[in-house]
Amino acid sequence: MPANNNNTSSSRNRVLVKEAKGALENMKMEAAQSLGVTIPQDGYYGNVTSRDAGSLGGYITKNLVRIAEQQLSGSR
């Protein structure tokens, strides 16, 4: 297993397309509202439970897959 170094964490969870950042933030807020999860205003997620964080990630991933499938099939 590779050694754990601090440089890898800075390259993870980056938005590669800067124009998508706003859309992803909107999707996160929509997911949080739908699931009843409170998003911390200060950006610190240390007080968010693993279950809530996982629910948010799963919801967002499911929606991103749905959007990609629609785009690949040519329908909207």
N, C-alpha and C. Protein backbone atom coordinates (compact mmCIF):
# COMPACT_ATOMS: atom_id res chain seq x y z
N MET A 1 0.85 -1.16 0.00
CA MET A 1 0.00 0.00 0.00
C MET A 1 0.90 1.24 0.00
N PRO A 2 0.57 2.26 -0.81
CA PRO A 2 1.44 3.43 -0.87
C PRO A 2 1.44 4.19 0.46
N ALA A 3 2.53 4.85 0.69
CA ALA A 3 2.65 5.65 1.90
C ALA A 3 1.65 6.80 1.85
N ASN A 4 1.11 7.13 2.99
CA ASN A 4 0.15 8.23 3.08
C ASN A 4 0.92 9.53 3.24
N ASN A 5 0.83 10.41 2.25
CA ASN A 5 1.50 11.71 2.40
C ASN A 5 0.48 12.82 2.28
N ASN A 6 0.84 13.97 2.76
CA ASN A 6 -0.08 15.09 2.81
C ASN A 6 -0.38 15.69 1.45
N ASN A 7 0.45 15.44 0.46
CA ASN A 7 0.24 16.02 -0.86
C ASN A 7 -0.96 15.42 -1.57
N THR A 8 -1.32 14.18 -1.26
CA THR A 8 -2.45 13.56 -1.95
C THR A 8 -3.77 14.19 -1.54
N SER A 9 -3.89 14.64 -0.31
CA SER A 9 -5.16 15.20 0.13
C SER A 9 -5.47 16.52 -0.57
N SER A 10 -4.46 17.25 -0.97
CA SER A 10 -4.70 18.53 -1.64
C SER A 10 -5.18 18.34 -3.07
N SER A 11 -4.94 17.18 -3.67
CA SER A 11 -5.36 16.95 -5.04
C SER A 11 -6.70 16.25 -5.14
N ARG A 12 -7.31 15.90 -4.00
CA ARG A 12 -8.58 15.21 -3.99
C ARG A 12 -9.72 16.19 -3.83
N ASN A 13 -10.87 15.80 -4.33
CA ASN A 13 -12.09 16.60 -4.19
C ASN A 13 -11.96 18.00 -4.78
N ARG A 14 -11.24 18.09 -5.88
CA ARG A 14 -11.12 19.38 -6.57
C ARG A 14 -12.15 19.43 -7.68
N VAL A 15 -12.68 20.60 -7.93
CA VAL A 15 -13.55 20.80 -9.08
C VAL A 15 -12.64 21.06 -10.27
N LEU A 16 -12.69 20.17 -11.25
CA LEU A 16 -11.81 20.30 -12.41
C LEU A 16 -12.32 21.33 -13.40
N VAL A 17 -13.62 21.50 -13.47
CA VAL A 17 -14.21 22.50 -14.36
C VAL A 17 -14.75 23.61 -13.47
N LYS A 18 -14.08 24.75 -13.47
CA LYS A 18 -14.42 25.83 -12.55
C LYS A 18 -15.86 26.30 -12.70
N GLU A 19 -16.39 26.24 -13.91
CA GLU A 19 -17.75 26.68 -14.15
C GLU A 19 -18.76 25.75 -13.46
N ALA A 20 -18.35 24.54 -13.11
CA ALA A 20 -19.25 23.58 -12.48
C ALA A 20 -19.36 23.78 -10.98
N LYS A 21 -18.49 24.57 -10.39
CA LYS A 21 -18.47 24.72 -8.93
C LYS A 21 -19.81 25.23 -8.40
N GLY A 22 -20.37 26.23 -9.02
CA GLY A 22 -21.65 26.77 -8.58
C GLY A 22 -22.77 25.75 -8.68
N ALA A 23 -22.79 25.00 -9.77
CA ALA A 23 -23.82 23.97 -9.95
C ALA A 23 -23.68 22.88 -8.90
N LEU A 24 -22.46 22.51 -8.57
CA LEU A 24 -22.24 21.49 -7.53
C LEU A 24 -22.66 22.01 -6.16
N GLU A 25 -22.39 23.27 -5.87
CA GLU A 25 -22.82 23.85 -4.61
C GLU A 25 -24.34 23.87 -4.52
N ASN A 26 -25.00 24.24 -5.63
CA ASN A 26 -26.47 24.23 -5.65
C ASN A 26 -27.00 22.83 -5.43
N MET A 27 -26.36 21.84 -6.04
CA MET A 27 -26.78 20.46 -5.89
C MET A 27 -26.59 20.00 -4.44
N LYS A 28 -25.50 20.43 -3.82
CA LYS A 28 -25.25 20.08 -2.42
C LYS A 28 -26.32 20.68 -1.51
N MET A 29 -26.67 21.93 -1.75
CA MET A 29 -27.70 22.58 -0.93
C MET A 29 -29.06 21.92 -1.13
N GLU A 30 -29.38 21.58 -2.38
CA GLU A 30 -30.63 20.90 -2.68
C GLU A 30 -30.69 19.53 -1.99
N ALA A 31 -29.59 18.81 -2.04
CA ALA A 31 -29.51 17.50 -1.40
C ALA A 31 -29.68 17.64 0.10
N ALA A 32 -29.01 18.59 0.69
CA ALA A 32 -29.09 18.80 2.14
C ALA A 32 -30.52 19.14 2.55
N GLN A 33 -31.17 19.98 1.79
CA GLN A 33 -32.54 20.36 2.10
C GLN A 33 -33.46 19.15 1.98
N SER A 34 -33.29 18.36 0.93
CA SER A 34 -34.13 17.17 0.72
C SER A 34 -33.94 16.15 1.83
N LEU A 35 -32.72 16.03 2.32
CA LEU A 35 -32.41 15.01 3.33
C LEU A 35 -32.51 15.54 4.75
N GLY A 36 -32.74 16.84 4.92
CA GLY A 36 -32.84 17.42 6.26
C GLY A 36 -31.50 17.54 6.97
N VAL A 37 -30.42 17.67 6.19
CA VAL A 37 -29.08 17.80 6.75
C VAL A 37 -28.70 19.28 6.76
N THR A 38 -28.13 19.73 7.87
CA THR A 38 -27.71 21.12 7.98
C THR A 38 -26.27 21.25 7.48
N ILE A 39 -26.06 22.10 6.48
CA ILE A 39 -24.73 22.37 5.95
C ILE A 39 -24.10 23.44 6.83
N PRO A 40 -22.88 23.19 7.34
CA PRO A 40 -22.23 24.21 8.18
C PRO A 40 -21.85 25.44 7.37
N GLN A 41 -22.20 26.60 7.87
CA GLN A 41 -21.92 27.85 7.16
C GLN A 41 -20.44 28.17 7.12
N ASP A 42 -19.69 27.69 8.12
CA ASP A 42 -18.27 27.99 8.17
C ASP A 42 -17.42 27.02 7.34
N GLY A 43 -18.06 26.02 6.72
CA GLY A 43 -17.34 25.07 5.88
C GLY A 43 -16.68 23.93 6.64
N TYR A 44 -16.79 23.92 7.96
CA TYR A 44 -16.19 22.87 8.77
C TYR A 44 -17.20 21.74 8.94
N TYR A 45 -16.88 20.58 8.40
CA TYR A 45 -17.79 19.44 8.42
C TYR A 45 -17.50 18.48 9.56
N GLY A 46 -16.65 18.86 10.51
CA GLY A 46 -16.29 17.98 11.61
C GLY A 46 -17.45 17.63 12.52
N ASN A 47 -18.48 18.45 12.53
CA ASN A 47 -19.64 18.18 13.37
C ASN A 47 -20.78 17.50 12.62
N VAL A 48 -20.58 17.21 11.33
CA VAL A 48 -21.58 16.50 10.54
C VAL A 48 -21.32 15.01 10.72
N THR A 49 -22.38 14.25 11.00
CA THR A 49 -22.20 12.82 11.20
C THR A 49 -21.78 12.14 9.90
N SER A 50 -21.11 11.02 10.04
CA SER A 50 -20.69 10.24 8.87
C SER A 50 -21.91 9.81 8.06
N ARG A 51 -22.97 9.47 8.75
CA ARG A 51 -24.19 9.05 8.07
C ARG A 51 -24.75 10.18 7.20
N ASP A 52 -24.80 11.39 7.76
CA ASP A 52 -25.31 12.54 7.00
C ASP A 52 -24.41 12.89 5.83
N ALA A 53 -23.11 12.88 6.06
CA ALA A 53 -22.16 13.18 4.98
C ALA A 53 -22.27 12.14 3.87
N GLY A 54 -22.40 10.88 4.26
CA GLY A 54 -22.55 9.81 3.27
C GLY A 54 -23.84 9.92 2.50
N SER A 55 -24.90 10.32 3.19
CA SER A 55 -26.19 10.51 2.51
C SER A 55 -26.11 11.62 1.48
N LEU A 56 -25.44 12.71 1.85
CA LEU A 56 -25.26 13.82 0.90
C LEU A 56 -24.47 13.36 -0.32
N GLY A 57 -23.36 12.69 -0.07
CA GLY A 57 -22.53 12.22 -1.18
C GLY A 57 -23.26 11.25 -2.08
N GLY A 58 -24.02 10.34 -1.49
CA GLY A 58 -24.78 9.37 -2.28
C GLY A 58 -25.85 10.04 -3.12
N TYR A 59 -26.55 11.00 -2.52
CA TYR A 59 -27.61 11.72 -3.22
C TYR A 59 -27.03 12.49 -4.42
N ILE A 60 -25.93 13.18 -4.18
CA ILE A 60 -25.29 13.96 -5.24
C ILE A 60 -24.78 13.03 -6.35
N THR A 61 -24.15 11.93 -5.96
CA THR A 61 -23.63 10.98 -6.96
C THR A 61 -24.76 10.40 -7.79
N LYS A 62 -25.85 10.03 -7.14
CA LYS A 62 -27.00 9.47 -7.86
C LYS A 62 -27.52 10.48 -8.89
N ASN A 63 -27.61 11.75 -8.50
CA ASN A 63 -28.08 12.78 -9.43
C ASN A 63 -27.10 13.02 -10.56
N LEU A 64 -25.80 13.02 -10.26
CA LEU A 64 -24.81 13.20 -11.32
C LEU A 64 -24.85 12.05 -12.32
N VAL A 65 -25.04 10.83 -11.85
CA VAL A 65 -25.15 9.67 -12.75
C VAL A 65 -26.40 9.79 -13.60
N ARG A 66 -27.52 10.21 -13.00
CA ARG A 66 -28.76 10.39 -13.74
C ARG A 66 -28.59 11.43 -14.84
N ILE A 67 -27.94 12.55 -14.51
CA ILE A 67 -27.71 13.61 -15.50
C ILE A 67 -26.83 13.10 -16.64
N ALA A 68 -25.77 12.37 -16.30
CA ALA A 68 -24.88 11.83 -17.33
C ALA A 68 -25.60 10.83 -18.23
N GLU A 69 -26.43 9.98 -17.64
CA GLU A 69 -27.19 9.02 -18.44
C GLU A 69 -28.14 9.72 -19.40
N GLN A 70 -28.78 10.80 -18.93
CA GLN A 70 -29.68 11.56 -19.79
C GLN A 70 -28.92 12.20 -20.94
N GLN A 71 -27.75 12.74 -20.66
CA GLN A 71 -26.95 13.38 -21.70
C GLN A 71 -26.46 12.35 -22.71
N LEU A 72 -26.06 11.17 -22.24
CA LEU A 72 -25.59 10.13 -23.14
C LEU A 72 -26.70 9.57 -24.01
N SER A 73 -27.92 9.53 -23.48
CA SER A 73 -29.04 9.00 -24.26
C SER A 73 -29.64 10.05 -25.18
N GLY A 74 -29.20 11.30 -25.01
CA GLY A 74 -29.68 12.38 -25.88
C GLY A 74 -30.98 13.01 -25.42
N SER A 75 -31.50 12.60 -24.27
CA SER A 75 -32.74 13.21 -23.77
C SER A 75 -32.43 14.11 -22.60
N ARG A 76 -33.36 14.99 -22.29
CA ARG A 76 -33.17 15.91 -21.16
C ARG A 76 -34.36 15.91 -20.30
